[in-house]
N, C-alpha and C. Protein backbone atom coordinates (compact mmCIF):
# COMPACT_ATOMS: atom_id res chain seq x y z
N MET A 1 -1.43 -87.10 -12.43
CA MET A 1 -2.00 -87.67 -11.00
C MET A 1 -2.42 -86.45 -10.78
N ALA A 2 -3.25 -85.85 -10.77
CA ALA A 2 -4.77 -85.34 -10.48
C ALA A 2 -4.05 -85.13 -8.40
N THR A 3 -4.51 -83.39 -8.37
CA THR A 3 -4.33 -83.26 -6.85
C THR A 3 -5.86 -83.86 -5.86
N ALA A 4 -5.87 -84.86 -5.01
CA ALA A 4 -6.49 -85.23 -4.21
C ALA A 4 -7.34 -83.96 -3.49
N GLN A 5 -8.55 -84.44 -3.38
CA GLN A 5 -9.05 -83.27 -2.64
C GLN A 5 -9.12 -83.07 -0.80
N ASN A 6 -8.50 -84.33 -0.09
CA ASN A 6 -8.42 -84.22 1.16
C ASN A 6 -7.20 -82.72 1.14
N THR A 7 -6.08 -83.10 -0.05
CA THR A 7 -4.61 -82.12 -0.05
C THR A 7 -5.39 -80.17 -0.14
N ILE A 8 -6.56 -80.38 -0.51
CA ILE A 8 -6.91 -79.37 -0.97
C ILE A 8 -7.58 -78.70 0.68
N ASP A 9 -8.84 -78.99 0.86
CA ASP A 9 -9.01 -79.43 2.53
C ASP A 9 -7.89 -79.12 2.80
N PHE A 10 -6.63 -79.45 3.29
CA PHE A 10 -6.07 -79.62 4.38
C PHE A 10 -5.67 -77.83 4.04
N LEU A 11 -5.02 -77.89 2.61
CA LEU A 11 -3.97 -76.47 2.78
C LEU A 11 -5.66 -75.30 2.27
N LEU A 12 -6.79 -75.90 3.12
CA LEU A 12 -7.79 -74.42 2.67
C LEU A 12 -8.07 -74.31 4.06
N ASP A 13 -7.85 -75.27 4.91
CA ASP A 13 -8.17 -75.08 6.49
C ASP A 13 -6.79 -74.25 6.71
N GLN A 14 -5.33 -75.03 6.66
CA GLN A 14 -4.89 -74.38 7.04
C GLN A 14 -4.11 -72.55 6.86
N LEU A 15 -5.34 -72.58 5.37
CA LEU A 15 -5.60 -70.75 5.27
C LEU A 15 -6.80 -70.20 5.93
N SER A 16 -7.43 -70.67 6.81
CA SER A 16 -8.69 -70.19 6.93
C SER A 16 -8.76 -68.81 7.92
N VAL A 17 -7.84 -68.78 8.48
CA VAL A 17 -7.66 -67.71 8.98
C VAL A 17 -7.36 -66.43 8.44
N LEU A 18 -7.25 -66.58 7.22
CA LEU A 18 -6.97 -65.24 6.40
C LEU A 18 -8.44 -65.01 5.65
N GLY A 19 -9.62 -65.60 5.73
CA GLY A 19 -10.93 -65.56 5.22
C GLY A 19 -10.97 -65.52 4.21
N GLU A 20 -10.23 -65.40 2.91
CA GLU A 20 -10.35 -64.27 1.56
C GLU A 20 -9.51 -65.59 0.73
N VAL A 21 -9.78 -66.64 1.63
CA VAL A 21 -8.84 -67.98 0.53
C VAL A 21 -9.97 -69.40 -0.60
N SER A 22 -9.85 -69.20 -1.50
CA SER A 22 -10.34 -70.12 -2.00
C SER A 22 -9.40 -71.02 -3.17
N ALA A 23 -10.16 -71.92 -3.72
CA ALA A 23 -9.94 -72.66 -4.21
C ALA A 23 -10.42 -73.19 -5.31
N LYS A 24 -9.88 -72.88 -6.86
CA LYS A 24 -11.06 -73.21 -8.29
C LYS A 24 -10.60 -74.62 -8.95
N LYS A 25 -11.46 -75.53 -8.86
CA LYS A 25 -10.95 -77.09 -9.62
C LYS A 25 -11.01 -76.79 -11.31
N MET A 26 -9.19 -76.59 -11.65
CA MET A 26 -9.27 -76.53 -12.93
C MET A 26 -8.31 -78.13 -13.78
N PHE A 27 -8.94 -78.17 -14.95
CA PHE A 27 -8.70 -79.92 -15.21
C PHE A 27 -7.46 -81.10 -14.51
N GLY A 28 -8.57 -81.29 -13.48
CA GLY A 28 -7.77 -81.68 -12.32
C GLY A 28 -6.66 -81.64 -10.69
N GLU A 29 -6.71 -79.96 -11.35
CA GLU A 29 -6.02 -78.97 -10.62
C GLU A 29 -6.54 -78.34 -10.45
N TYR A 30 -5.53 -77.35 -9.01
CA TYR A 30 -6.25 -76.60 -8.32
C TYR A 30 -5.94 -75.05 -8.57
N CYS A 31 -6.68 -73.56 -9.08
CA CYS A 31 -5.85 -72.56 -8.74
C CYS A 31 -6.21 -72.23 -7.30
N LEU A 32 -5.43 -71.17 -6.63
CA LEU A 32 -5.24 -71.21 -5.30
C LEU A 32 -5.64 -69.70 -5.48
N TYR A 33 -6.27 -68.56 -5.07
CA TYR A 33 -6.94 -67.60 -4.95
C TYR A 33 -7.08 -67.06 -3.31
N PHE A 34 -6.44 -65.54 -3.08
CA PHE A 34 -6.03 -64.46 -1.58
C PHE A 34 -7.24 -63.07 -2.46
N ALA A 35 -7.90 -63.20 -1.49
CA ALA A 35 -8.77 -62.47 -1.71
C ALA A 35 -8.47 -62.05 -4.20
N GLY A 36 -9.01 -62.82 -4.23
CA GLY A 36 -9.30 -62.30 -5.16
C GLY A 36 -8.16 -62.66 -6.14
N LYS A 37 -6.98 -62.87 -5.77
CA LYS A 37 -5.99 -62.85 -6.74
C LYS A 37 -5.47 -64.44 -6.69
N PRO A 38 -5.21 -64.42 -7.93
CA PRO A 38 -4.76 -65.54 -7.86
C PRO A 38 -3.53 -65.90 -7.46
N VAL A 39 -2.59 -66.48 -6.71
CA VAL A 39 -1.88 -66.64 -6.04
C VAL A 39 -0.75 -67.74 -5.84
N GLY A 40 -1.65 -69.21 -6.90
CA GLY A 40 -0.20 -70.51 -6.98
C GLY A 40 -1.31 -71.04 -7.45
N LEU A 41 -0.59 -71.98 -8.09
CA LEU A 41 -1.71 -73.43 -8.37
C LEU A 41 -0.92 -74.19 -6.94
N VAL A 42 -1.69 -75.32 -7.22
CA VAL A 42 -1.64 -76.59 -6.88
C VAL A 42 -2.07 -77.11 -7.49
N CYS A 43 -0.88 -78.60 -7.88
CA CYS A 43 -0.64 -79.36 -8.92
C CYS A 43 0.25 -80.74 -8.33
N ASP A 44 -0.44 -82.31 -8.50
CA ASP A 44 0.30 -83.22 -7.87
C ASP A 44 0.75 -83.52 -6.59
N ASP A 45 -0.85 -82.40 -6.00
CA ASP A 45 -0.52 -82.98 -4.74
C ASP A 45 0.26 -81.53 -4.10
N GLN A 46 1.43 -80.55 -4.95
CA GLN A 46 1.83 -79.97 -4.73
C GLN A 46 1.55 -78.63 -4.59
N LEU A 47 2.03 -77.22 -3.77
CA LEU A 47 2.06 -75.93 -3.98
C LEU A 47 2.96 -75.51 -4.44
N TYR A 48 2.38 -74.76 -5.27
CA TYR A 48 3.41 -73.56 -5.98
C TYR A 48 2.60 -72.53 -6.13
N LEU A 49 4.08 -71.30 -5.61
CA LEU A 49 3.09 -69.89 -5.53
C LEU A 49 4.07 -69.51 -6.45
N LYS A 50 3.05 -67.91 -6.81
CA LYS A 50 3.46 -66.89 -7.60
C LYS A 50 4.81 -67.04 -7.27
N PRO A 51 5.95 -66.68 -7.86
CA PRO A 51 7.46 -66.21 -7.08
C PRO A 51 7.22 -64.38 -7.22
N THR A 52 7.65 -63.90 -5.33
CA THR A 52 7.47 -62.54 -5.55
C THR A 52 9.05 -62.39 -4.96
N LYS A 53 9.51 -61.12 -4.79
CA LYS A 53 10.57 -61.51 -4.28
C LYS A 53 10.38 -60.96 -2.52
N THR A 54 9.10 -60.78 -2.26
CA THR A 54 9.04 -60.94 -0.28
C THR A 54 8.67 -62.85 -0.01
N GLY A 55 8.50 -63.35 -1.52
CA GLY A 55 7.78 -64.23 -1.13
C GLY A 55 9.57 -65.41 -1.19
N LYS A 56 10.35 -64.72 -1.87
CA LYS A 56 11.71 -65.18 -1.74
C LYS A 56 12.30 -65.20 -0.18
N GLU A 57 11.45 -63.68 -0.33
CA GLU A 57 12.59 -63.54 1.43
C GLU A 57 12.67 -63.98 2.50
N LYS A 58 10.75 -64.89 2.76
CA LYS A 58 10.55 -65.38 3.20
C LYS A 58 10.84 -67.18 3.36
N LEU A 59 11.44 -67.55 2.75
CA LEU A 59 12.22 -68.87 2.36
C LEU A 59 13.47 -69.16 2.92
N VAL A 60 14.06 -69.92 3.49
CA VAL A 60 14.83 -70.25 3.98
C VAL A 60 15.64 -70.93 2.64
N SER A 61 15.48 -71.60 2.45
CA SER A 61 15.56 -72.11 0.71
C SER A 61 14.85 -72.06 -0.43
N VAL A 62 14.49 -71.15 -1.43
CA VAL A 62 14.37 -71.03 -2.24
C VAL A 62 14.30 -72.44 -3.34
N ILE A 63 12.57 -73.21 -3.67
CA ILE A 63 12.68 -74.09 -4.36
C ILE A 63 11.96 -73.51 -5.02
N GLU A 64 12.31 -74.06 -7.02
CA GLU A 64 11.36 -73.26 -7.52
C GLU A 64 11.33 -74.14 -8.49
N GLY A 65 10.29 -74.74 -9.03
CA GLY A 65 9.74 -75.71 -9.71
C GLY A 65 7.97 -74.87 -10.85
N SER A 66 8.12 -75.89 -12.05
CA SER A 66 7.05 -75.88 -12.44
C SER A 66 6.31 -76.96 -12.65
N PRO A 67 4.74 -76.25 -12.70
CA PRO A 67 3.89 -76.63 -12.22
C PRO A 67 2.94 -78.17 -12.81
N TYR A 68 3.59 -77.87 -14.35
CA TYR A 68 2.95 -78.06 -15.56
C TYR A 68 3.99 -77.82 -16.48
N PRO A 69 3.83 -79.12 -17.47
CA PRO A 69 5.19 -78.64 -18.61
C PRO A 69 4.70 -77.00 -19.33
N GLY A 70 5.55 -76.75 -19.69
CA GLY A 70 5.44 -75.36 -20.11
C GLY A 70 5.32 -74.01 -19.34
N ALA A 71 4.99 -74.22 -18.06
CA ALA A 71 4.66 -73.16 -17.15
C ALA A 71 5.75 -72.43 -16.46
N ASN A 72 5.43 -71.61 -16.70
CA ASN A 72 6.89 -70.01 -15.98
C ASN A 72 7.33 -71.45 -14.54
N PRO A 73 7.95 -71.04 -14.18
CA PRO A 73 8.68 -71.96 -12.74
C PRO A 73 8.16 -70.84 -11.76
N HIS A 74 7.56 -71.16 -10.70
CA HIS A 74 6.75 -71.22 -8.95
C HIS A 74 8.00 -71.47 -7.90
N LEU A 75 7.71 -71.10 -6.58
CA LEU A 75 8.16 -71.07 -5.97
C LEU A 75 7.28 -72.67 -4.98
N LEU A 76 7.94 -73.63 -4.95
CA LEU A 76 7.42 -74.97 -4.35
C LEU A 76 7.65 -75.31 -2.64
N ILE A 77 6.55 -75.18 -2.67
CA ILE A 77 6.09 -74.82 -1.05
C ILE A 77 5.75 -76.07 -0.71
N THR A 78 7.24 -76.80 -0.11
CA THR A 78 6.98 -78.46 0.00
C THR A 78 5.79 -78.99 1.44
N ALA A 79 4.87 -80.01 1.34
CA ALA A 79 3.95 -80.62 2.18
C ALA A 79 4.30 -80.13 4.00
N ASP A 80 5.63 -79.90 3.80
CA ASP A 80 6.10 -79.90 5.63
C ASP A 80 6.35 -78.28 6.08
N GLN A 81 6.32 -78.16 4.98
CA GLN A 81 5.89 -76.24 4.92
C GLN A 81 4.87 -76.23 5.20
N TRP A 82 3.57 -76.21 4.59
CA TRP A 82 2.18 -75.84 5.22
C TRP A 82 1.54 -76.62 7.19
N GLU A 83 2.55 -76.62 7.61
CA GLU A 83 1.97 -77.45 8.98
C GLU A 83 2.42 -76.62 9.96
N ASP A 84 3.21 -74.99 9.50
CA ASP A 84 3.51 -73.75 10.32
C ASP A 84 2.37 -72.78 9.53
N SER A 85 0.72 -72.93 10.18
CA SER A 85 -0.06 -72.16 9.14
C SER A 85 0.33 -70.90 9.27
N GLU A 86 0.87 -70.22 10.66
CA GLU A 86 0.95 -69.20 10.76
C GLU A 86 2.16 -68.46 9.52
N TRP A 87 3.71 -69.13 9.82
CA TRP A 87 3.60 -68.53 8.21
C TRP A 87 3.53 -68.95 7.16
N LEU A 88 2.45 -70.25 6.44
CA LEU A 88 1.69 -69.47 5.32
C LEU A 88 1.49 -68.85 5.24
N CYS A 89 0.10 -68.78 6.42
CA CYS A 89 -0.47 -67.44 5.94
C CYS A 89 -0.06 -66.29 5.88
N GLY A 90 1.43 -66.12 6.49
CA GLY A 90 2.06 -64.51 6.03
C GLY A 90 2.34 -64.69 4.37
N LEU A 91 3.08 -65.99 4.17
CA LEU A 91 3.59 -66.19 2.98
C LEU A 91 2.21 -65.78 1.84
N VAL A 92 1.33 -66.45 1.45
CA VAL A 92 0.20 -65.80 0.93
C VAL A 92 -0.24 -64.39 0.80
N GLN A 93 -0.17 -63.97 1.97
CA GLN A 93 -0.81 -62.44 1.77
C GLN A 93 0.70 -61.53 1.64
N ALA A 94 1.96 -62.30 1.38
CA ALA A 94 2.72 -61.48 1.08
C ALA A 94 2.87 -61.72 -0.18
N THR A 95 2.96 -62.40 -0.57
CA THR A 95 2.92 -63.02 -2.22
C THR A 95 0.83 -61.93 -2.72
N ALA A 96 0.69 -61.73 -2.44
CA ALA A 96 -0.72 -61.75 -3.03
C ALA A 96 -0.66 -60.27 -2.84
N ARG A 97 0.38 -59.36 -2.39
CA ARG A 97 0.60 -57.90 -1.94
C ARG A 97 0.93 -57.71 -3.82
N GLU A 98 2.12 -58.26 -3.85
CA GLU A 98 2.92 -57.64 -5.05
C GLU A 98 2.03 -58.21 -5.72
N LEU A 99 1.21 -58.75 -6.19
CA LEU A 99 0.54 -59.90 -7.41
C LEU A 99 -0.14 -58.04 -8.70
N PRO A 100 -0.20 -58.10 -8.94
CA PRO A 100 -1.01 -57.13 -9.21
C PRO A 100 -2.71 -57.55 -9.26
N ILE A 101 -3.49 -56.84 -9.74
CA ILE A 101 -5.10 -57.08 -9.88
C ILE A 101 -5.43 -57.63 -10.81
N PRO A 102 -6.38 -58.51 -10.55
CA PRO A 102 -5.89 -59.11 -12.48
C PRO A 102 -6.81 -58.35 -12.68
N LYS A 103 -7.15 -58.43 -13.99
CA LYS A 103 -7.65 -57.73 -15.42
C LYS A 103 -9.26 -58.12 -15.57
N PRO A 104 -9.80 -57.50 -15.22
CA PRO A 104 -11.65 -58.21 -15.49
C PRO A 104 -11.61 -58.87 -16.90
N ARG A 105 -12.11 -59.79 -16.59
CA ARG A 105 -12.26 -61.04 -18.67
C ARG A 105 -13.53 -59.56 -19.31
N LYS A 106 -13.79 -60.21 -20.29
CA LYS A 106 -13.82 -59.49 -21.42
C LYS A 106 -14.79 -60.80 -21.57
N MET A 107 -16.40 -59.95 -21.47
CA MET A 107 -17.77 -61.20 -21.81
C MET A 107 -17.58 -61.67 -23.64
N ASN A 108 -18.26 -62.46 -23.49
CA ASN A 108 -18.37 -62.90 -24.99
C ASN A 108 -19.31 -62.42 -25.51
N LYS A 109 -20.47 -61.80 -25.96
CA LYS A 109 -21.35 -61.59 -27.01
C LYS A 109 -22.12 -62.64 -27.43
């Protein structure tokens, strides 16, 4: 089941105060970016953030899941947690701070 557009719209609206948040569609699902860094995935209308130490500390209960078969475990952020925009923004910022800057892609000739 692919992620619904209204799910992405709601999530991006909740994160809009950060300014530098975007989502790129990939195979019916989405990659979530903050300040150019991929911080998570939205698959089957669920948010999966890349696991970081600070991210885990911000969660009352850590739930891990795989966004798709064969993927590394991610932090599953349930839809009810999306309601607290301030908390969600802090979690996304904290996650991005711990992630490395993506390596530039090589252009094919």
